[in-house]
Amino acid sequence: MGLTDVAFLALSGVAIVSGWRVFVTDSMVRASFLLMISFIAVGLIMLLLSAPYIGLATVFMMAVEMMVMALFMVMFMM
């Protein structure tokens, strides 16, 4: 088992656990940050699978999207 396999398993675990935590957390801001972590982990998995365009696009688009969503949630909910 090489370094790529270990990284794949670790990122898969992060994606699954943070995706599950999105649905069990009480805070919408925490849920958006957990969703961002899940999407970043999936984007890094795409990079490991030699799909650089999809991986980087996922990381950049989802990270910015989740930050904007968290900002609007704080503005409108509090």
Protein backbone atom coordinates (compact mmCIF):
# COMPACT_ATOMS: atom_id res chain seq x y z
CA MET A 1 0.00 0.00 0.00
CA GLY A 2 1.60 3.20 -1.18
CA LEU A 3 1.32 6.82 -0.21
CA THR A 4 -1.39 7.44 -2.82
CA ASP A 5 -3.55 4.68 -1.34
CA VAL A 6 -3.17 6.07 2.17
CA ALA A 7 -4.01 9.59 0.95
CA PHE A 8 -7.05 8.24 -0.92
CA LEU A 9 -8.33 6.42 2.16
CA ALA A 10 -7.74 9.42 4.42
CA LEU A 11 -9.46 11.85 2.04
CA SER A 12 -12.34 9.41 1.56
CA GLY A 13 -12.80 9.19 5.31
CA VAL A 14 -12.73 12.98 5.64
CA ALA A 15 -15.29 13.37 2.84
CA ILE A 16 -17.66 10.79 4.30
CA VAL A 17 -17.46 11.98 7.90
CA SER A 18 -17.79 15.67 7.07
CA GLY A 19 -20.64 14.91 4.66
CA TRP A 20 -22.44 13.00 7.40
CA ARG A 21 -21.84 15.81 9.91
CA VAL A 22 -23.55 18.28 7.56
CA PHE A 23 -26.87 16.61 8.32
CA VAL A 24 -26.45 16.23 12.08
CA THR A 25 -25.14 19.67 13.04
CA ASP A 26 -27.43 22.37 14.38
CA SER A 27 -25.65 25.39 12.95
CA MET A 28 -26.11 26.28 9.29
CA VAL A 29 -22.71 27.99 9.21
CA ARG A 30 -21.01 24.87 10.55
CA ALA A 31 -22.93 22.82 8.00
CA SER A 32 -21.66 25.01 5.16
CA PHE A 33 -18.06 24.74 6.38
CA LEU A 34 -18.39 20.96 6.75
CA LEU A 35 -19.81 20.77 3.24
CA MET A 36 -16.86 22.82 2.02
CA ILE A 37 -14.45 20.39 3.70
CA SER A 38 -16.25 17.48 2.08
CA PHE A 39 -16.08 19.06 -1.39
CA ILE A 40 -12.40 19.94 -0.95
CA ALA A 41 -11.65 16.34 0.02
CA VAL A 42 -13.50 15.10 -3.06
CA GLY A 43 -11.59 17.58 -5.24
CA LEU A 44 -8.29 16.33 -3.81
CA ILE A 45 -9.40 12.76 -4.52
CA MET A 46 -9.96 13.81 -8.15
CA LEU A 47 -6.41 15.16 -8.21
CA LEU A 48 -5.16 11.80 -6.92
CA LEU A 49 -7.10 10.06 -9.70
CA SER A 50 -5.28 12.18 -12.33
CA ALA A 51 -8.20 14.44 -13.15
CA PRO A 52 -6.58 17.82 -12.48
CA TYR A 53 -9.16 20.05 -14.17
CA ILE A 54 -12.14 18.53 -12.36
CA GLY A 55 -10.24 18.43 -9.07
CA LEU A 56 -9.11 22.05 -9.15
CA ALA A 57 -12.45 23.29 -10.45
CA THR A 58 -14.23 21.49 -7.62
CA VAL A 59 -11.90 22.90 -5.00
CA PHE A 60 -12.03 26.48 -6.28
CA MET A 61 -15.73 26.64 -7.10
CA MET A 62 -17.03 24.86 -4.01
CA ALA A 63 -14.73 26.65 -1.58
CA VAL A 64 -15.81 30.06 -2.83
CA GLU A 65 -19.45 29.02 -3.01
CA MET A 66 -19.52 27.70 0.55
CA MET A 67 -17.78 30.81 1.91
CA VAL A 68 -20.33 33.07 0.20
CA MET A 69 -23.17 30.89 1.48
CA ALA A 70 -21.81 31.05 5.05
CA LEU A 71 -21.46 34.82 4.78
CA PHE A 72 -25.05 35.25 3.64
CA MET A 73 -26.30 32.92 6.36
CA VAL A 74 -24.57 35.00 9.00
CA MET A 75 -25.92 38.20 7.50
CA PHE A 76 -29.53 37.08 7.20
CA MET A 77 -29.95 34.68 10.09
CA MET A 78 -28.32 36.60 12.93
